[in-house]
């Protein structure tokens, strides 16, 4: 018992290592830019003030969104999704799988649950002993069920889900702007140090290294941010992009796709003035999400539009594959927070 408790403490401590690395890099970048570039290298006072003003605005937004991504706790399902003592006892005492499925179906009738497991059953978490709301998954790292779980991110040591997905997106966006601004303003002095026009040895090291680090992080973040922008435009989570949600009529990758504008509003809210600030503005409570089927009942053209779009993509893919022999590219993603057994669907 004491050994397992000690291992858990060590695991929790090591989980903060990636966050500590990011914090150290950010602190060093602040010192290198403010002290070594602006205060030591720059000689024009107007240029100093302009550089420092814009830098600190981006720095505050970057740190603010990173802080919110780390310390905003993931939201768990409401108590009404947990099994009562009587239902739990009845479920555990029953050995026949088909009867267990009937018990879960009985309980789920009172809940707004529309997604199913791969075999059509109610999504039930045997660890948390609850009926999973739509888009909810169990995170094996956090050991809880997370509403609208996207993934578990080691760089923020937190589960990204309904409560902090907006903050995570803004963190990626402001990280990109932070790196881009540093690279753009440092480049001129990087050339001067490289050609020998400036000779301050200590500042030279910081300025040269600052450009390399900014460009490296910018390139890596650009692909990640672009991917999540695509997910938002389709109203999908990372887990749903790799495994389409299953409804009563079968899997549907566009089951929650309401159209570009409404998809944005699901994450950022309806008040546009709050979109760029790390404050809570997402629609809903994370337990229920509007579905495309409901919107189609009001606007049948939405279904046709999605079908045309998918057909167009399929035709382009077929034409490109039939015209040339293109090698397949496979990407292997590992999500520490997703369980691979039936209870995580």
C-alpha atoms as a PDB file:
ATOM      1  CA  UNK A   1       0.000   0.000   0.000  1.00  0.00           C
ATOM      2  CA  UNK A   2       2.747   2.466   0.988  1.00  0.00           C
ATOM      3  CA  UNK A   3       4.772   1.522  -2.114  1.00  0.00           C
ATOM      4  CA  UNK A   4       1.853   2.131  -4.486  1.00  0.00           C
ATOM      5  CA  UNK A   5       1.110   5.441  -2.773  1.00  0.00           C
ATOM      6  CA  UNK A   6       4.751   6.466  -3.196  1.00  0.00           C
ATOM      7  CA  UNK A   7       4.674   5.520  -6.876  1.00  0.00           C
ATOM      8  CA  UNK A   8       1.553   7.611  -7.410  1.00  0.00           C
ATOM      9  CA  UNK A   9       3.248  10.602  -5.748  1.00  0.00           C
ATOM     10  CA  UNK A  10       6.291  10.177  -8.007  1.00  0.00           C
ATOM     11  CA  UNK A  11       4.052   9.893 -11.055  1.00  0.00           C
ATOM     12  CA  UNK A  12       2.245  13.104 -10.131  1.00  0.00           C
ATOM     13  CA  UNK A  13       5.554  14.890  -9.599  1.00  0.00           C
ATOM     14  CA  UNK A  14       6.985  13.729 -12.946  1.00  0.00           C
ATOM     15  CA  UNK A  15       3.784  14.837 -14.697  1.00  0.00           C
ATOM     16  CA  UNK A  16       4.774  18.440 -13.970  1.00  0.00           C
ATOM     17  CA  UNK A  17       8.153  18.108 -15.738  1.00  0.00           C
ATOM     18  CA  UNK A  18       6.842  19.148 -19.216  1.00  0.00           C
ATOM     19  CA  UNK A  19       5.087  22.149 -17.645  1.00  0.00           C
ATOM     20  CA  UNK A  20       8.304  23.115 -15.828  1.00  0.00           C
ATOM     21  CA  UNK A  21      10.259  22.887 -19.104  1.00  0.00           C
ATOM     22  CA  UNK A  22       7.780  25.202 -20.868  1.00  0.00           C
ATOM     23  CA  UNK A  23       7.859  27.627 -17.908  1.00  0.00           C
ATOM     24  CA  UNK A  24      11.675  27.772 -17.952  1.00  0.00           C
ATOM     25  CA  UNK A  25      11.790  28.367 -21.710  1.00  0.00           C
ATOM     26  CA  UNK A  26       9.202  31.158 -21.409  1.00  0.00           C
ATOM     27  CA  UNK A  27      11.067  32.815 -18.513  1.00  0.00           C
ATOM     28  CA  UNK A  28      14.326  32.653 -20.442  1.00  0.00           C
ATOM     29  CA  UNK A  29      12.666  34.097 -23.566  1.00  0.00           C
ATOM     30  CA  UNK A  30      11.342  36.976 -21.463  1.00  0.00           C
ATOM     31  CA  UNK A  31      14.808  37.713 -20.094  1.00  0.00           C
ATOM     32  CA  UNK A  32      16.494  37.388 -23.502  1.00  0.00           C
ATOM     33  CA  UNK A  33      13.997  39.627 -25.279  1.00  0.00           C
ATOM     34  CA  UNK A  34      13.480  42.318 -22.632  1.00  0.00           C
ATOM     35  CA  UNK A  35      16.982  42.549 -21.177  1.00  0.00           C
ATOM     36  CA  UNK A  36      19.428  41.375 -23.842  1.00  0.00           C
ATOM     37  CA  UNK A  37      17.580  42.639 -26.929  1.00  0.00           C
ATOM     38  CA  UNK A  38      15.515  45.657 -25.890  1.00  0.00           C
ATOM     39  CA  UNK A  39      17.604  47.082 -23.035  1.00  0.00           C
ATOM     40  CA  UNK A  40      21.107  46.168 -24.245  1.00  0.00           C
ATOM     41  CA  UNK A  41      21.054  45.781 -28.028  1.00  0.00           C
ATOM     42  CA  UNK A  42      18.476  48.389 -29.113  1.00  0.00           C
ATOM     43  CA  UNK A  43      19.644  52.009 -29.096  1.00  0.00           C
ATOM     44  CA  UNK A  44      16.556  53.797 -30.443  1.00  0.00           C
ATOM     45  CA  UNK A  45      14.274  54.701 -27.476  1.00  0.00           C
ATOM     46  CA  UNK A  46      11.117  54.806 -29.625  1.00  0.00           C
ATOM     47  CA  UNK A  47      11.884  51.348 -30.978  1.00  0.00           C
ATOM     48  CA  UNK A  48      12.473  50.092 -27.421  1.00  0.00           C
ATOM     49  CA  UNK A  49       9.086  51.343 -26.196  1.00  0.00           C
ATOM     50  CA  UNK A  50       7.228  49.956 -29.234  1.00  0.00           C
ATOM     51  CA  UNK A  51       8.894  46.546 -29.002  1.00  0.00           C
ATOM     52  CA  UNK A  52       8.340  46.248 -25.250  1.00  0.00           C
ATOM     53  CA  UNK A  53       4.693  47.369 -25.389  1.00  0.00           C
ATOM     54  CA  UNK A  54       3.584  44.836 -28.008  1.00  0.00           C
ATOM     55  CA  UNK A  55       5.732  42.117 -26.446  1.00  0.00           C
ATOM     56  CA  UNK A  56       4.168  42.501 -23.006  1.00  0.00           C
ATOM     57  CA  UNK A  57       0.622  42.452 -24.407  1.00  0.00           C
ATOM     58  CA  UNK A  58       1.319  39.145 -26.158  1.00  0.00           C
ATOM     59  CA  UNK A  59       3.230  37.822 -23.149  1.00  0.00           C
ATOM     60  CA  UNK A  60       0.338  38.512 -20.754  1.00  0.00           C
ATOM     61  CA  UNK A  61      -2.224  36.881 -23.076  1.00  0.00           C
ATOM     62  CA  UNK A  62       0.077  33.894 -23.619  1.00  0.00           C
ATOM     63  CA  UNK A  63       0.710  33.321 -19.898  1.00  0.00           C
ATOM     64  CA  UNK A  64      -2.928  33.957 -19.023  1.00  0.00           C
ATOM     65  CA  UNK A  65      -4.240  31.333 -21.469  1.00  0.00           C
ATOM     66  CA  UNK A  66      -1.536  28.847 -20.462  1.00  0.00           C
ATOM     67  CA  UNK A  67      -2.438  29.285 -16.805  1.00  0.00           C
ATOM     68  CA  UNK A  68      -6.146  28.747 -17.533  1.00  0.00           C
ATOM     69  CA  UNK A  69      -5.384  25.623 -19.593  1.00  0.00           C
ATOM     70  CA  UNK A  70      -3.389  24.136 -16.716  1.00  0.00           C
ATOM     71  CA  UNK A  71      -5.513  25.031 -13.715  1.00  0.00           C
ATOM     72  CA  UNK A  72      -9.064  24.835 -15.102  1.00  0.00           C
ATOM     73  CA  UNK A  73     -10.212  21.475 -13.807  1.00  0.00           C
ATOM     74  CA  UNK A  74     -12.008  19.127 -16.216  1.00  0.00           C
ATOM     75  CA  UNK A  75     -15.746  18.886 -15.579  1.00  0.00           C
ATOM     76  CA  UNK A  76     -17.190  15.532 -14.563  1.00  0.00           C
ATOM     77  CA  UNK A  77     -20.732  14.295 -15.308  1.00  0.00           C
ATOM     78  CA  UNK A  78     -23.559  15.422 -13.048  1.00  0.00           C
ATOM     79  CA  UNK A  79     -24.809  13.200 -10.213  1.00  0.00           C
ATOM     80  CA  UNK A  80     -27.893  12.174 -12.169  1.00  0.00           C
ATOM     81  CA  UNK A  81     -25.647  10.181 -14.521  1.00  0.00           C
ATOM     82  CA  UNK A  82     -24.294   8.100 -11.636  1.00  0.00           C
ATOM     83  CA  UNK A  83     -26.046   4.841 -10.824  1.00  0.00           C
ATOM     84  CA  UNK A  84     -28.118   4.726  -7.677  1.00  0.00           C
ATOM     85  CA  UNK A  85     -27.197   2.180  -5.009  1.00  0.00           C
ATOM     86  CA  UNK A  86     -30.151  -0.029  -5.940  1.00  0.00           C
ATOM     87  CA  UNK A  87     -29.382   0.082  -9.686  1.00  0.00           C
ATOM     88  CA  UNK A  88     -25.719  -0.563  -9.044  1.00  0.00           C
ATOM     89  CA  UNK A  89     -26.484  -3.585  -6.885  1.00  0.00           C
ATOM     90  CA  UNK A  90     -28.944  -4.938  -9.458  1.00  0.00           C
ATOM     91  CA  UNK A  91     -26.425  -4.417 -12.277  1.00  0.00           C
ATOM     92  CA  UNK A  92     -23.505  -6.053 -10.462  1.00  0.00           C
ATOM     93  CA  UNK A  93     -25.546  -9.056  -9.297  1.00  0.00           C
ATOM     94  CA  UNK A  94     -26.739  -9.753 -12.836  1.00  0.00           C
ATOM     95  CA  UNK A  95     -24.394 -12.053 -14.754  1.00  0.00           C
ATOM     96  CA  UNK A  96     -26.187 -12.124 -18.114  1.00  0.00           C
ATOM     97  CA  UNK A  97     -24.787  -9.421 -20.472  1.00  0.00           C
ATOM     98  CA  UNK A  98     -28.095  -8.932 -22.304  1.00  0.00           C
ATOM     99  CA  UNK A  99     -29.921  -8.258 -19.036  1.00  0.00           C
ATOM    100  CA  UNK A 100     -27.196  -5.838 -17.957  1.00  0.00           C
ATOM    101  CA  UNK A 101     -27.714  -3.975 -21.225  1.00  0.00           C
ATOM    102  CA  UNK A 102     -31.446  -3.793 -20.508  1.00  0.00           C
ATOM    103  CA  UNK A 103     -30.766  -2.378 -17.041  1.00  0.00           C
ATOM    104  CA  UNK A 104     -28.531   0.324 -18.508  1.00  0.00           C
ATOM    105  CA  UNK A 105     -31.119   1.102 -21.196  1.00  0.00           C
ATOM    106  CA  UNK A 106     -33.767   1.519 -18.475  1.00  0.00           C
ATOM    107  CA  UNK A 107     -31.612   4.003 -16.569  1.00  0.00           C
ATOM    108  CA  UNK A 108     -30.610   5.888 -19.730  1.00  0.00           C
ATOM    109  CA  UNK A 109     -34.240   6.500 -20.762  1.00  0.00           C
ATOM    110  CA  UNK A 110     -34.414   9.289 -18.190  1.00  0.00           C
ATOM    111  CA  UNK A 111     -31.224  10.943 -19.491  1.00  0.00           C
ATOM    112  CA  UNK A 112     -30.443  12.984 -22.657  1.00  0.00           C
ATOM    113  CA  UNK A 113     -28.065  10.329 -24.009  1.00  0.00           C
ATOM    114  CA  UNK A 114     -27.980   9.646 -27.765  1.00  0.00           C
ATOM    115  CA  UNK A 115     -24.567   8.141 -28.531  1.00  0.00           C
ATOM    116  CA  UNK A 116     -23.939   4.417 -28.194  1.00  0.00           C
ATOM    117  CA  UNK A 117     -21.108   1.909 -28.037  1.00  0.00           C
ATOM    118  CA  UNK A 118     -19.929   0.122 -31.163  1.00  0.00           C
ATOM    119  CA  UNK A 119     -22.408  -2.718 -30.600  1.00  0.00           C
ATOM    120  CA  UNK A 120     -25.329  -0.350 -29.967  1.00  0.00           C
ATOM    121  CA  UNK A 121     -25.328  -0.499 -26.159  1.00  0.00           C
ATOM    122  CA  UNK A 122     -25.461   2.328 -23.631  1.00  0.00           C
ATOM    123  CA  UNK A 123     -22.049   3.886 -22.957  1.00  0.00           C
ATOM    124  CA  UNK A 124     -21.244   2.945 -19.372  1.00  0.00           C
ATOM    125  CA  UNK A 125     -18.032   3.557 -17.416  1.00  0.00           C
ATOM    126  CA  UNK A 126     -17.326   0.601 -15.150  1.00  0.00           C
ATOM    127  CA  UNK A 127     -14.680   2.556 -13.215  1.00  0.00           C
ATOM    128  CA  UNK A 128     -16.758   5.650 -12.421  1.00  0.00           C
ATOM    129  CA  UNK A 129     -20.019   3.661 -12.324  1.00  0.00           C
ATOM    130  CA  UNK A 130     -21.971   6.119 -14.451  1.00  0.00           C
ATOM    131  CA  UNK A 131     -23.831   6.448 -17.744  1.00  0.00           C
ATOM    132  CA  UNK A 132     -21.588   8.498 -20.010  1.00  0.00           C
ATOM    133  CA  UNK A 133     -23.116  11.675 -21.427  1.00  0.00           C
ATOM    134  CA  UNK A 134     -22.616  12.266 -25.147  1.00  0.00           C
ATOM    135  CA  UNK A 135     -18.958  13.029 -26.051  1.00  0.00           C
ATOM    136  CA  UNK A 136     -17.810  12.087 -22.538  1.00  0.00           C
ATOM    137  CA  UNK A 137     -14.832   9.716 -22.138  1.00  0.00           C
ATOM    138  CA  UNK A 138     -12.856   8.236 -19.279  1.00  0.00           C
ATOM    139  CA  UNK A 139      -9.307   9.574 -18.889  1.00  0.00           C
ATOM    140  CA  UNK A 140      -6.985   6.886 -17.559  1.00  0.00           C
ATOM    141  CA  UNK A 141      -4.421   9.524 -16.497  1.00  0.00           C
ATOM    142  CA  UNK A 142      -6.850  11.678 -14.493  1.00  0.00           C
ATOM    143  CA  UNK A 143      -8.888   8.568 -13.527  1.00  0.00           C
ATOM    144  CA  UNK A 144     -12.189  10.401 -14.088  1.00  0.00           C
ATOM    145  CA  UNK A 145     -14.814  10.748 -16.806  1.00  0.00           C
ATOM    146  CA  UNK A 146     -14.393  14.087 -18.601  1.00  0.00           C
ATOM    147  CA  UNK A 147     -17.190  15.948 -20.378  1.00  0.00           C
ATOM    148  CA  UNK A 148     -16.457  16.409 -24.115  1.00  0.00           C
ATOM    149  CA  UNK A 149     -12.977  15.034 -23.666  1.00  0.00           C
ATOM    150  CA  UNK A 150     -10.556  15.999 -26.428  1.00  0.00           C
ATOM    151  CA  UNK A 151      -7.257  14.558 -25.169  1.00  0.00           C
ATOM    152  CA  UNK A 152      -4.940  14.510 -22.177  1.00  0.00           C
ATOM    153  CA  UNK A 153      -2.149  17.012 -22.792  1.00  0.00           C
ATOM    154  CA  UNK A 154       1.175  16.443 -20.966  1.00  0.00           C
ATOM    155  CA  UNK A 155       2.325  20.008 -21.765  1.00  0.00           C
ATOM    156  CA  UNK A 156      -0.404  21.431 -19.532  1.00  0.00           C
ATOM    157  CA  UNK A 157      -0.643  18.343 -17.269  1.00  0.00           C
ATOM    158  CA  UNK A 158      -4.383  18.448 -17.635  1.00  0.00           C
ATOM    159  CA  UNK A 159      -7.247  16.873 -19.507  1.00  0.00           C
ATOM    160  CA  UNK A 160      -8.507  19.070 -22.330  1.00  0.00           C
ATOM    161  CA  UNK A 161     -12.290  18.951 -22.447  1.00  0.00           C
ATOM    162  CA  UNK A 162     -15.443  21.039 -22.291  1.00  0.00           C
ATOM    163  CA  UNK A 163     -14.259  23.275 -19.447  1.00  0.00           C
ATOM    164  CA  UNK A 164     -10.919  24.357 -20.933  1.00  0.00           C
ATOM    165  CA  UNK A 165     -10.937  23.581 -24.669  1.00  0.00           C
ATOM    166  CA  UNK A 166     -11.446  27.270 -25.520  1.00  0.00           C
ATOM    167  CA  UNK A 167      -8.519  28.197 -23.255  1.00  0.00           C
ATOM    168  CA  UNK A 168      -6.353  25.552 -24.932  1.00  0.00           C
ATOM    169  CA  UNK A 169      -7.150  26.905 -28.407  1.00  0.00           C
ATOM    170  CA  UNK A 170      -6.372  30.464 -27.312  1.00  0.00           C
ATOM    171  CA  UNK A 171      -3.149  29.232 -25.725  1.00  0.00           C
ATOM    172  CA  UNK A 172      -2.082  27.746 -29.073  1.00  0.00           C
ATOM    173  CA  UNK A 173      -3.065  30.927 -30.918  1.00  0.00           C
ATOM    174  CA  UNK A 174      -1.226  33.302 -28.579  1.00  0.00           C
ATOM    175  CA  UNK A 175       1.782  30.962 -28.486  1.00  0.00           C
ATOM    176  CA  UNK A 176       1.960  31.230 -32.267  1.00  0.00           C
ATOM    177  CA  UNK A 177       1.704  35.032 -32.172  1.00  0.00           C
ATOM    178  CA  UNK A 178       4.283  35.208 -29.377  1.00  0.00           C
ATOM    179  CA  UNK A 179       6.810  33.136 -31.347  1.00  0.00           C
ATOM    180  CA  UNK A 180       6.054  34.949 -34.610  1.00  0.00           C
ATOM    181  CA  UNK A 181       6.489  38.385 -33.028  1.00  0.00           C
ATOM    182  CA  UNK A 182       9.785  37.412 -31.407  1.00  0.00           C
ATOM    183  CA  UNK A 183      11.131  35.929 -34.656  1.00  0.00           C
ATOM    184  CA  UNK A 184      10.054  38.955 -36.732  1.00  0.00           C
ATOM    185  CA  UNK A 185      11.561  41.577 -34.403  1.00  0.00           C
ATOM    186  CA  UNK A 186      14.737  39.640 -33.577  1.00  0.00           C
ATOM    187  CA  UNK A 187      15.620  38.753 -37.191  1.00  0.00           C
ATOM    188  CA  UNK A 188      17.199  42.121 -38.038  1.00  0.00           C
ATOM    189  CA  UNK A 189      19.534  41.954 -35.047  1.00  0.00           C
ATOM    190  CA  UNK A 190      20.204  38.288 -35.687  1.00  0.00           C
ATOM    191  CA  UNK A 191      21.657  39.316 -39.087  1.00  0.00           C
ATOM    192  CA  UNK A 192      23.711  42.093 -37.502  1.00  0.00           C
ATOM    193  CA  UNK A 193      25.216  39.720 -34.953  1.00  0.00           C
ATOM    194  CA  UNK A 194      25.761  37.040 -37.575  1.00  0.00           C
ATOM    195  CA  UNK A 195      27.628  39.417 -39.941  1.00  0.00           C
ATOM    196  CA  UNK A 196      29.678  40.962 -37.110  1.00  0.00           C
ATOM    197  CA  UNK A 197      28.075  44.412 -37.257  1.00  0.00           C
ATOM    198  CA  UNK A 198      27.221  43.993 -33.556  1.00  0.00           C
ATOM    199  CA  UNK A 199      29.777  42.352 -31.258  1.00  0.00           C
ATOM    200  CA  UNK A 200      28.327  42.128 -27.726  1.00  0.00           C
ATOM    201  CA  UNK A 201      29.199  38.511 -26.875  1.00  0.00           C
ATOM    202  CA  UNK A 202      26.639  37.799 -24.159  1.00  0.00           C
ATOM    203  CA  UNK A 203      23.711  39.406 -25.984  1.00  0.00           C
ATOM    204  CA  UNK A 204      24.773  37.734 -29.230  1.00  0.00           C
ATOM    205  CA  UNK A 205      24.238  34.272 -27.763  1.00  0.00           C
ATOM    206  CA  UNK A 206      20.777  35.134 -26.410  1.00  0.00           C
ATOM    207  CA  UNK A 207      19.588  36.854 -29.595  1.00  0.00           C
ATOM    208  CA  UNK A 208      20.794  34.086 -31.917  1.00  0.00           C
ATOM    209  CA  UNK A 209      19.356  31.321 -29.770  1.00  0.00           C
ATOM    210  CA  UNK A 210      16.097  33.258 -29.289  1.00  0.00           C
ATOM    211  CA  UNK A 211      15.431  33.263 -33.034  1.00  0.00           C
ATOM    212  CA  UNK A 212      16.103  29.534 -33.395  1.00  0.00           C
ATOM    213  CA  UNK A 213      13.820  28.643 -30.467  1.00  0.00           C
ATOM    214  CA  UNK A 214      11.021  30.964 -31.669  1.00  0.00           C
ATOM    215  CA  UNK A 215      11.068  29.523 -35.206  1.00  0.00           C
ATOM    216  CA  UNK A 216      11.217  25.931 -33.933  1.00  0.00           C
ATOM    217  CA  UNK A 217       8.202  26.370 -31.652  1.00  0.00           C
ATOM    218  CA  UNK A 218       6.309  28.362 -34.299  1.00  0.00           C
ATOM    219  CA  UNK A 219       6.583  25.584 -36.890  1.00  0.00           C
ATOM    220  CA  UNK A 220       5.502  22.838 -34.472  1.00  0.00           C
ATOM    221  CA  UNK A 221       2.618  24.889 -33.048  1.00  0.00           C
ATOM    222  CA  UNK A 222       1.415  25.921 -36.503  1.00  0.00           C
ATOM    223  CA  UNK A 223       0.515  22.342 -37.446  1.00  0.00           C
ATOM    224  CA  UNK A 224      -1.136  21.631 -34.087  1.00  0.00           C
ATOM    225  CA  UNK A 225      -3.170  24.842 -34.149  1.00  0.00           C
ATOM    226  CA  UNK A 226      -4.198  24.264 -37.764  1.00  0.00           C
ATOM    227  CA  UNK A 227      -5.411  20.778 -36.902  1.00  0.00           C
ATOM    228  CA  UNK A 228      -7.522  22.022 -33.990  1.00  0.00           C
ATOM    229  CA  UNK A 229      -8.969  24.824 -36.143  1.00  0.00           C
ATOM    230  CA  UNK A 230     -10.111  22.138 -38.575  1.00  0.00           C
ATOM    231  CA  UNK A 231     -11.639  20.157 -35.683  1.00  0.00           C
ATOM    232  CA  UNK A 232     -13.546  23.226 -34.454  1.00  0.00           C
ATOM    233  CA  UNK A 233     -14.860  23.941 -37.960  1.00  0.00           C
ATOM    234  CA  UNK A 234     -16.291  20.384 -38.033  1.00  0.00           C
ATOM    235  CA  UNK A 235     -17.361  20.370 -34.362  1.00  0.00           C
ATOM    236  CA  UNK A 236     -15.289  17.286 -33.578  1.00  0.00           C
ATOM    237  CA  UNK A 237     -12.950  16.404 -30.760  1.00  0.00           C
ATOM    238  CA  UNK A 238      -9.596  14.726 -31.332  1.00  0.00           C
ATOM    239  CA  UNK A 239     -11.063  11.417 -30.164  1.00  0.00           C
ATOM    240  CA  UNK A 240     -14.054  11.788 -32.491  1.00  0.00           C
ATOM    241  CA  UNK A 241     -11.745  12.516 -35.433  1.00  0.00           C
ATOM    242  CA  UNK A 242     -10.161   9.078 -35.028  1.00  0.00           C
ATOM    243  CA  UNK A 243     -13.317   7.227 -33.975  1.00  0.00           C
ATOM    244  CA  UNK A 244     -16.657   8.601 -35.204  1.00  0.00           C
ATOM    245  CA  UNK A 245     -19.397   8.849 -32.564  1.00  0.00           C
ATOM    246  CA  UNK A 246     -22.001   6.089 -32.811  1.00  0.00           C
ATOM    247  CA  UNK A 247     -25.686   7.004 -32.754  1.00  0.00           C
ATOM    248  CA  UNK A 248     -28.772   4.799 -32.801  1.00  0.00           C
ATOM    249  CA  UNK A 249     -28.562   4.703 -36.603  1.00  0.00           C
ATOM    250  CA  UNK A 250     -24.832   3.920 -36.629  1.00  0.00           C
ATOM    251  CA  UNK A 251     -21.555   5.899 -36.751  1.00  0.00           C
ATOM    252  CA  UNK A 252     -21.730   9.477 -38.041  1.00  0.00           C
ATOM    253  CA  UNK A 253     -18.584  11.607 -38.196  1.00  0.00           C
ATOM    254  CA  UNK A 254     -20.724  14.718 -38.795  1.00  0.00           C
ATOM    255  CA  UNK A 255     -23.233  13.950 -36.056  1.00  0.00           C
ATOM    256  CA  UNK A 256     -22.502  17.189 -34.162  1.00  0.00           C
ATOM    257  CA  UNK A 257     -21.632  19.335 -37.201  1.00  0.00           C
ATOM    258  CA  UNK A 258     -24.053  22.297 -37.201  1.00  0.00           C
ATOM    259  CA  UNK A 259     -22.308  24.443 -39.810  1.00  0.00           C
ATOM    260  CA  UNK A 260     -19.193  26.595 -39.526  1.00  0.00           C
ATOM    261  CA  UNK A 261     -20.664  29.557 -37.606  1.00  0.00           C
ATOM    262  CA  UNK A 262     -22.633  27.478 -35.098  1.00  0.00           C
ATOM    263  CA  UNK A 263     -19.643  25.189 -34.610  1.00  0.00           C
ATOM    264  CA  UNK A 264     -17.551  28.212 -33.630  1.00  0.00           C
ATOM    265  CA  UNK A 265     -20.266  29.372 -31.247  1.00  0.00           C
ATOM    266  CA  UNK A 266     -20.296  25.979 -29.529  1.00  0.00           C
ATOM    267  CA  UNK A 267     -16.682  26.576 -28.413  1.00  0.00           C
ATOM    268  CA  UNK A 268     -16.391  30.373 -28.189  1.00  0.00           C
ATOM    269  CA  UNK A 269     -19.967  31.389 -27.399  1.00  0.00           C
ATOM    270  CA  UNK A 270     -22.313  33.883 -29.006  1.00  0.00           C
ATOM    271  CA  UNK A 271     -20.667  37.058 -27.652  1.00  0.00           C
ATOM    272  CA  UNK A 272     -17.854  37.812 -30.098  1.00  0.00           C
ATOM    273  CA  UNK A 273     -16.251  40.321 -27.731  1.00  0.00           C
ATOM    274  CA  UNK A 274     -15.312  37.397 -25.462  1.00  0.00           C
ATOM    275  CA  UNK A 275     -13.884  35.136 -28.160  1.00  0.00           C
ATOM    276  CA  UNK A 276     -10.259  36.263 -27.760  1.00  0.00           C
ATOM    277  CA  UNK A 277     -10.275  36.351 -23.951  1.00  0.00           C
ATOM    278  CA  UNK A 278      -9.713  33.282 -21.727  1.00  0.00           C
ATOM    279  CA  UNK A 279     -13.048  33.598 -19.946  1.00  0.00           C
ATOM    280  CA  UNK A 280     -15.894  31.074 -19.864  1.00  0.00           C
ATOM    281  CA  UNK A 281     -18.216  31.627 -22.842  1.00  0.00           C
ATOM    282  CA  UNK A 282     -18.813  28.186 -24.391  1.00  0.00           C
ATOM    283  CA  UNK A 283     -22.444  27.220 -24.976  1.00  0.00           C
ATOM    284  CA  UNK A 284     -24.158  24.601 -22.839  1.00  0.00           C
ATOM    285  CA  UNK A 285     -23.053  22.700 -19.757  1.00  0.00           C
ATOM    286  CA  UNK A 286     -21.139  19.858 -21.437  1.00  0.00           C
ATOM    287  CA  UNK A 287     -23.830  17.214 -20.861  1.00  0.00           C
ATOM    288  CA  UNK A 288     -25.884  17.724 -24.025  1.00  0.00           C
ATOM    289  CA  UNK A 289     -24.892  18.995 -27.477  1.00  0.00           C
ATOM    290  CA  UNK A 290     -27.117  19.938 -30.425  1.00  0.00           C
ATOM    291  CA  UNK A 291     -27.003  17.321 -33.153  1.00  0.00           C
ATOM    292  CA  UNK A 292     -27.112  17.656 -36.902  1.00  0.00           C
ATOM    293  CA  UNK A 293     -30.227  15.450 -37.092  1.00  0.00           C
ATOM    294  CA  UNK A 294     -32.201  17.995 -35.041  1.00  0.00           C
ATOM    295  CA  UNK A 295     -31.016  20.858 -37.249  1.00  0.00           C
ATOM    296  CA  UNK A 296     -31.908  18.943 -40.407  1.00  0.00           C
ATOM    297  CA  UNK A 297     -35.485  18.670 -39.190  1.00  0.00           C
ATOM    298  CA  UNK A 298     -35.596  22.473 -39.212  1.00  0.00           C
ATOM    299  CA  UNK A 299     -33.388  22.960 -42.288  1.00  0.00           C
ATOM    300  CA  UNK A 300     -33.232  19.939 -44.646  1.00  0.00           C
ATOM    301  CA  UNK A 301     -30.717  21.729 -46.892  1.00  0.00           C
ATOM    302  CA  UNK A 302     -28.045  21.231 -44.215  1.00  0.00           C
ATOM    303  CA  UNK A 303     -27.999  17.485 -44.842  1.00  0.00           C
ATOM    304  CA  UNK A 304     -27.653  18.001 -48.597  1.00  0.00           C
ATOM    305  CA  UNK A 305     -24.852  20.519 -48.104  1.00  0.00           C
ATOM    306  CA  UNK A 306     -22.890  18.103 -45.925  1.00  0.00           C
ATOM    307  CA  UNK A 307     -23.502  15.275 -48.394  1.00  0.00           C
ATOM    308  CA  UNK A 308     -22.317  17.377 -51.348  1.00  0.00           C
ATOM    309  CA  UNK A 309     -19.203  18.393 -49.429  1.00  0.00           C
ATOM    310  CA  UNK A 310     -18.354  14.805 -48.469  1.00  0.00           C
ATOM    311  CA  UNK A 311     -19.050  13.565 -52.004  1.00  0.00           C
ATOM    312  CA  UNK A 312     -16.760  16.250 -53.402  1.00  0.00           C
ATOM    313  CA  UNK A 313     -13.949  15.229 -51.054  1.00  0.00           C
ATOM    314  CA  UNK A 314     -14.427  11.556 -51.925  1.00  0.00           C
ATOM    315  CA  UNK A 315     -14.359  12.295 -55.681  1.00  0.00           C
ATOM    316  CA  UNK A 316     -11.168  14.358 -55.384  1.00  0.00           C
ATOM    317  CA  UNK A 317      -9.512  11.639 -53.308  1.00  0.00           C
ATOM    318  CA  UNK A 318     -10.543   8.926 -55.790  1.00  0.00           C
ATOM    319  CA  UNK A 319      -9.272  10.956 -58.751  1.00  0.00           C
ATOM    320  CA  UNK A 320      -5.914  11.680 -57.137  1.00  0.00           C
ATOM    321  CA  UNK A 321      -5.404   8.057 -56.118  1.00  0.00           C
ATOM    322  CA  UNK A 322      -6.382   6.654 -59.505  1.00  0.00           C
ATOM    323  CA  UNK A 323      -4.191   9.094 -61.444  1.00  0.00           C
ATOM    324  CA  UNK A 324      -0.903   8.165 -59.790  1.00  0.00           C
ATOM    325  CA  UNK A 325       0.608   5.642 -57.443  1.00  0.00           C
ATOM    326  CA  UNK A 326       0.864   7.643 -54.237  1.00  0.00           C
ATOM    327  CA  UNK A 327       2.460   6.009 -51.181  1.00  0.00           C
ATOM    328  CA  UNK A 328       0.244   5.904 -48.114  1.00  0.00           C
ATOM    329  CA  UNK A 329       1.161   8.015 -45.105  1.00  0.00           C
ATOM    330  CA  UNK A 330       0.243   6.694 -41.708  1.00  0.00           C
ATOM    331  CA  UNK A 331       0.243   8.785 -38.553  1.00  0.00           C
ATOM    332  CA  UNK A 332       0.404   7.042 -35.215  1.00  0.00           C
ATOM    333  CA  UNK A 333      -1.088   9.124 -32.430  1.00  0.00           C
ATOM    334  CA  UNK A 334      -0.961   8.050 -28.812  1.00  0.00           C
ATOM    335  CA  UNK A 335      -3.509   9.404 -26.379  1.00  0.00           C
ATOM    336  CA  UNK A 336      -2.652   8.639 -22.802  1.00  0.00           C
ATOM    337  CA  UNK A 337      -6.100   9.670 -21.670  1.00  0.00           C
ATOM    338  CA  UNK A 338      -8.258   7.387 -23.833  1.00  0.00           C
ATOM    339  CA  UNK A 339      -9.140   3.894 -22.748  1.00  0.00           C
ATOM    340  CA  UNK A 340      -9.158   1.339 -25.518  1.00  0.00           C
ATOM    341  CA  UNK A 341     -11.755  -0.983 -24.040  1.00  0.00           C
ATOM    342  CA  UNK A 342     -15.455  -0.759 -24.542  1.00  0.00           C
ATOM    343  CA  UNK A 343     -16.063   1.544 -21.600  1.00  0.00           C
ATOM    344  CA  UNK A 344     -14.243   4.468 -23.202  1.00  0.00           C
ATOM    345  CA  UNK A 345     -16.432   4.688 -26.270  1.00  0.00           C
END
